[in-house]
């Protein structure tokens, strides 16, 4: 045996490969790496889900504040409408009409604010879209890998 062959066998025993030898891993090794990679992938997807959920909760808080503010403004609108009835008997020519207009505008602003807040609370606006898309992509990839293994 030549020294080159002896060196090559010695390297192989130590787990080292020569530059000429192809880099082939055993099937159990590949499966172990696949399981680890899938586990890491799902951990990352879970972290993304947590981040999107936190963002959705912040959006829900903002929507709740918007609804509360809209309710307060609508209440003030109702107050002005009641005040219009009082001022309808006032001493200026048709002052009740001015109070009705102000009350109507304030009420309209409150209704718009309530509608905006309600729209922000719809399930489609708080769904974790990126996580769902990433999970669909990962599922497709895993299906592709498993189909490739069966071929």
C-alpha atoms as a PDB file:
ATOM      1  CA  UNK A   1       0.000   0.000   0.000  1.00  0.00           C
ATOM      2  CA  UNK A   2       1.208   3.441  -0.782  1.00  0.00           C
ATOM      3  CA  UNK A   3       1.430   6.243   1.746  1.00  0.00           C
ATOM      4  CA  UNK A   4      -1.310   8.107  -0.089  1.00  0.00           C
ATOM      5  CA  UNK A   5      -3.763   5.233   0.367  1.00  0.00           C
ATOM      6  CA  UNK A   6      -2.787   4.908   4.036  1.00  0.00           C
ATOM      7  CA  UNK A   7      -3.284   8.659   4.588  1.00  0.00           C
ATOM      8  CA  UNK A   8      -6.695   8.538   2.882  1.00  0.00           C
ATOM      9  CA  UNK A   9      -7.880   5.610   5.024  1.00  0.00           C
ATOM     10  CA  UNK A  10      -6.599   7.316   8.151  1.00  0.00           C
ATOM     11  CA  UNK A  11      -8.549  10.469   7.299  1.00  0.00           C
ATOM     12  CA  UNK A  12     -11.715   8.488   6.615  1.00  0.00           C
ATOM     13  CA  UNK A  13     -11.471   6.776  10.014  1.00  0.00           C
ATOM     14  CA  UNK A  14     -11.197  10.175  11.687  1.00  0.00           C
ATOM     15  CA  UNK A  15     -14.250  11.422   9.814  1.00  0.00           C
ATOM     16  CA  UNK A  16     -12.211  13.559   7.410  1.00  0.00           C
ATOM     17  CA  UNK A  17     -12.619  13.286   3.686  1.00  0.00           C
ATOM     18  CA  UNK A  18     -10.244  14.139   0.952  1.00  0.00           C
ATOM     19  CA  UNK A  19     -10.989  16.926  -1.487  1.00  0.00           C
ATOM     20  CA  UNK A  20     -11.535  14.289  -4.178  1.00  0.00           C
ATOM     21  CA  UNK A  21     -14.137  12.314  -2.209  1.00  0.00           C
ATOM     22  CA  UNK A  22     -17.775  13.406  -2.769  1.00  0.00           C
ATOM     23  CA  UNK A  23     -19.515  15.040   0.185  1.00  0.00           C
ATOM     24  CA  UNK A  24     -22.184  12.434   0.906  1.00  0.00           C
ATOM     25  CA  UNK A  25     -24.075  12.219   4.152  1.00  0.00           C
ATOM     26  CA  UNK A  26     -25.828   9.146   5.439  1.00  0.00           C
ATOM     27  CA  UNK A  27     -29.611   8.901   5.280  1.00  0.00           C
ATOM     28  CA  UNK A  28     -30.045   8.964   9.077  1.00  0.00           C
ATOM     29  CA  UNK A  29     -27.833  12.056   9.201  1.00  0.00           C
ATOM     30  CA  UNK A  30     -29.935  13.773   6.533  1.00  0.00           C
ATOM     31  CA  UNK A  31     -33.162  12.823   8.299  1.00  0.00           C
ATOM     32  CA  UNK A  32     -31.795  14.130  11.583  1.00  0.00           C
ATOM     33  CA  UNK A  33     -30.885  17.443   9.918  1.00  0.00           C
ATOM     34  CA  UNK A  34     -34.324  17.592   8.277  1.00  0.00           C
ATOM     35  CA  UNK A  35     -36.085  17.076  11.615  1.00  0.00           C
ATOM     36  CA  UNK A  36     -33.907  19.760  13.223  1.00  0.00           C
ATOM     37  CA  UNK A  37     -34.507  22.178  10.350  1.00  0.00           C
ATOM     38  CA  UNK A  38     -38.274  21.617  10.428  1.00  0.00           C
ATOM     39  CA  UNK A  39     -38.265  22.174  14.194  1.00  0.00           C
ATOM     40  CA  UNK A  40     -36.302  25.399  13.780  1.00  0.00           C
ATOM     41  CA  UNK A  41     -38.610  26.503  10.975  1.00  0.00           C
ATOM     42  CA  UNK A  42     -41.712  26.034  13.107  1.00  0.00           C
ATOM     43  CA  UNK A  43     -40.060  27.847  16.012  1.00  0.00           C
ATOM     44  CA  UNK A  44     -39.409  30.782  13.691  1.00  0.00           C
ATOM     45  CA  UNK A  45     -42.994  30.655  12.436  1.00  0.00           C
ATOM     46  CA  UNK A  46     -44.192  30.706  16.038  1.00  0.00           C
ATOM     47  CA  UNK A  47     -42.048  33.778  16.722  1.00  0.00           C
ATOM     48  CA  UNK A  48     -43.573  35.466  13.658  1.00  0.00           C
ATOM     49  CA  UNK A  49     -47.060  34.562  14.881  1.00  0.00           C
ATOM     50  CA  UNK A  50     -46.276  36.098  18.277  1.00  0.00           C
ATOM     51  CA  UNK A  51     -45.033  39.311  16.649  1.00  0.00           C
ATOM     52  CA  UNK A  52     -48.094  39.590  14.405  1.00  0.00           C
ATOM     53  CA  UNK A  53     -50.397  38.862  17.340  1.00  0.00           C
ATOM     54  CA  UNK A  54     -48.757  41.609  19.397  1.00  0.00           C
ATOM     55  CA  UNK A  55     -49.214  44.005  16.474  1.00  0.00           C
ATOM     56  CA  UNK A  56     -52.872  42.966  16.130  1.00  0.00           C
ATOM     57  CA  UNK A  57     -53.434  43.559  19.839  1.00  0.00           C
ATOM     58  CA  UNK A  58     -51.969  47.055  19.473  1.00  0.00           C
ATOM     59  CA  UNK A  59     -54.338  47.650  16.541  1.00  0.00           C
ATOM     60  CA  UNK A  60     -57.249  46.413  18.676  1.00  0.00           C
ATOM     61  CA  UNK A  61     -56.303  48.880  21.401  1.00  0.00           C
ATOM     62  CA  UNK A  62     -56.237  51.722  18.867  1.00  0.00           C
ATOM     63  CA  UNK A  63     -59.622  50.620  17.494  1.00  0.00           C
ATOM     64  CA  UNK A  64     -61.066  50.537  21.011  1.00  0.00           C
ATOM     65  CA  UNK A  65     -59.819  54.070  21.683  1.00  0.00           C
ATOM     66  CA  UNK A  66     -61.313  55.184  18.358  1.00  0.00           C
ATOM     67  CA  UNK A  67     -64.673  53.637  19.271  1.00  0.00           C
ATOM     68  CA  UNK A  68     -64.616  55.234  22.716  1.00  0.00           C
ATOM     69  CA  UNK A  69     -63.744  58.634  21.233  1.00  0.00           C
ATOM     70  CA  UNK A  70     -66.429  58.192  18.586  1.00  0.00           C
ATOM     71  CA  UNK A  71     -68.957  57.367  21.292  1.00  0.00           C
ATOM     72  CA  UNK A  72     -68.005  60.475  23.256  1.00  0.00           C
ATOM     73  CA  UNK A  73     -68.310  62.676  20.164  1.00  0.00           C
ATOM     74  CA  UNK A  74     -71.667  61.111  19.270  1.00  0.00           C
ATOM     75  CA  UNK A  75     -72.834  61.799  22.835  1.00  0.00           C
ATOM     76  CA  UNK A  76     -71.811  65.436  22.426  1.00  0.00           C
ATOM     77  CA  UNK A  77     -73.744  65.487  19.163  1.00  0.00           C
ATOM     78  CA  UNK A  78     -76.833  64.274  20.952  1.00  0.00           C
ATOM     79  CA  UNK A  79     -76.210  66.936  23.588  1.00  0.00           C
ATOM     80  CA  UNK A  80     -76.106  69.648  20.905  1.00  0.00           C
ATOM     81  CA  UNK A  81     -79.297  68.310  19.360  1.00  0.00           C
ATOM     82  CA  UNK A  82     -80.997  68.614  22.733  1.00  0.00           C
ATOM     83  CA  UNK A  83     -79.485  72.064  23.170  1.00  0.00           C
ATOM     84  CA  UNK A  84     -80.946  72.981  19.783  1.00  0.00           C
ATOM     85  CA  UNK A  85     -84.420  72.325  21.088  1.00  0.00           C
ATOM     86  CA  UNK A  86     -83.726  74.644  24.019  1.00  0.00           C
ATOM     87  CA  UNK A  87     -82.245  77.373  21.851  1.00  0.00           C
ATOM     88  CA  UNK A  88     -85.123  77.010  19.406  1.00  0.00           C
ATOM     89  CA  UNK A  89     -87.007  79.242  21.736  1.00  0.00           C
ATOM     90  CA  UNK A  90     -84.159  81.746  21.952  1.00  0.00           C
ATOM     91  CA  UNK A  91     -84.320  85.438  21.117  1.00  0.00           C
ATOM     92  CA  UNK A  92     -82.311  85.424  17.818  1.00  0.00           C
ATOM     93  CA  UNK A  93     -84.050  84.677  14.570  1.00  0.00           C
ATOM     94  CA  UNK A  94     -83.995  80.954  14.089  1.00  0.00           C
ATOM     95  CA  UNK A  95     -81.042  80.195  16.390  1.00  0.00           C
ATOM     96  CA  UNK A  96     -82.310  76.645  16.793  1.00  0.00           C
ATOM     97  CA  UNK A  97     -81.463  76.001  13.153  1.00  0.00           C
ATOM     98  CA  UNK A  98     -77.819  76.891  13.831  1.00  0.00           C
ATOM     99  CA  UNK A  99     -77.768  74.601  16.869  1.00  0.00           C
ATOM    100  CA  UNK A 100     -79.343  71.784  14.811  1.00  0.00           C
ATOM    101  CA  UNK A 101     -76.676  72.161  12.137  1.00  0.00           C
ATOM    102  CA  UNK A 102     -73.853  72.086  14.737  1.00  0.00           C
ATOM    103  CA  UNK A 103     -75.408  69.102  16.503  1.00  0.00           C
ATOM    104  CA  UNK A 104     -75.906  67.253  13.208  1.00  0.00           C
ATOM    105  CA  UNK A 105     -72.303  67.825  12.135  1.00  0.00           C
ATOM    106  CA  UNK A 106     -70.910  66.703  15.502  1.00  0.00           C
ATOM    107  CA  UNK A 107     -73.117  63.602  15.427  1.00  0.00           C
ATOM    108  CA  UNK A 108     -71.997  62.809  11.871  1.00  0.00           C
ATOM    109  CA  UNK A 109     -68.340  63.056  12.928  1.00  0.00           C
ATOM    110  CA  UNK A 110     -69.012  60.648  15.812  1.00  0.00           C
ATOM    111  CA  UNK A 111     -70.770  58.169  13.539  1.00  0.00           C
ATOM    112  CA  UNK A 112     -67.841  58.256  11.100  1.00  0.00           C
ATOM    113  CA  UNK A 113     -65.403  57.638  13.969  1.00  0.00           C
ATOM    114  CA  UNK A 114     -67.491  54.696  15.208  1.00  0.00           C
ATOM    115  CA  UNK A 115     -67.635  53.157  11.721  1.00  0.00           C
ATOM    116  CA  UNK A 116     -63.855  53.512  11.339  1.00  0.00           C
ATOM    117  CA  UNK A 117     -63.216  51.827  14.682  1.00  0.00           C
ATOM    118  CA  UNK A 118     -65.638  49.036  13.888  1.00  0.00           C
ATOM    119  CA  UNK A 119     -63.922  48.417  10.540  1.00  0.00           C
ATOM    120  CA  UNK A 120     -60.592  48.067  12.359  1.00  0.00           C
ATOM    121  CA  UNK A 121     -62.107  45.334  14.545  1.00  0.00           C
ATOM    122  CA  UNK A 122     -63.077  43.081  11.629  1.00  0.00           C
ATOM    123  CA  UNK A 123     -61.365  39.674  11.799  1.00  0.00           C
ATOM    124  CA  UNK A 124     -59.728  40.129   8.388  1.00  0.00           C
ATOM    125  CA  UNK A 125     -57.833  43.201   9.618  1.00  0.00           C
ATOM    126  CA  UNK A 126     -56.314  41.404  12.622  1.00  0.00           C
ATOM    127  CA  UNK A 127     -55.510  38.039  11.023  1.00  0.00           C
ATOM    128  CA  UNK A 128     -51.804  37.070  10.955  1.00  0.00           C
ATOM    129  CA  UNK A 129     -51.517  37.101   7.148  1.00  0.00           C
ATOM    130  CA  UNK A 130     -47.735  36.724   6.868  1.00  0.00           C
ATOM    131  CA  UNK A 131     -47.650  33.755   9.239  1.00  0.00           C
ATOM    132  CA  UNK A 132     -50.443  31.998   7.356  1.00  0.00           C
ATOM    133  CA  UNK A 133     -48.682  32.565   4.031  1.00  0.00           C
ATOM    134  CA  UNK A 134     -45.358  31.361   5.412  1.00  0.00           C
ATOM    135  CA  UNK A 135     -46.959  28.235   6.876  1.00  0.00           C
ATOM    136  CA  UNK A 136     -48.643  27.452   3.545  1.00  0.00           C
ATOM    137  CA  UNK A 137     -45.272  27.848   1.803  1.00  0.00           C
ATOM    138  CA  UNK A 138     -43.535  25.633   4.378  1.00  0.00           C
ATOM    139  CA  UNK A 139     -46.221  22.963   4.033  1.00  0.00           C
ATOM    140  CA  UNK A 140     -45.789  22.978   0.261  1.00  0.00           C
ATOM    141  CA  UNK A 141     -42.011  22.681   0.674  1.00  0.00           C
ATOM    142  CA  UNK A 142     -42.311  19.766   3.116  1.00  0.00           C
ATOM    143  CA  UNK A 143     -44.775  18.024   0.812  1.00  0.00           C
ATOM    144  CA  UNK A 144     -42.328  18.502  -2.049  1.00  0.00           C
ATOM    145  CA  UNK A 145     -39.466  17.043   0.004  1.00  0.00           C
ATOM    146  CA  UNK A 146     -41.534  14.038   1.103  1.00  0.00           C
ATOM    147  CA  UNK A 147     -42.699  13.407  -2.479  1.00  0.00           C
ATOM    148  CA  UNK A 148     -39.081  13.629  -3.642  1.00  0.00           C
ATOM    149  CA  UNK A 149     -38.061  11.015  -1.044  1.00  0.00           C
ATOM    150  CA  UNK A 150     -40.764   8.592  -2.264  1.00  0.00           C
ATOM    151  CA  UNK A 151     -39.688   8.887  -5.909  1.00  0.00           C
END
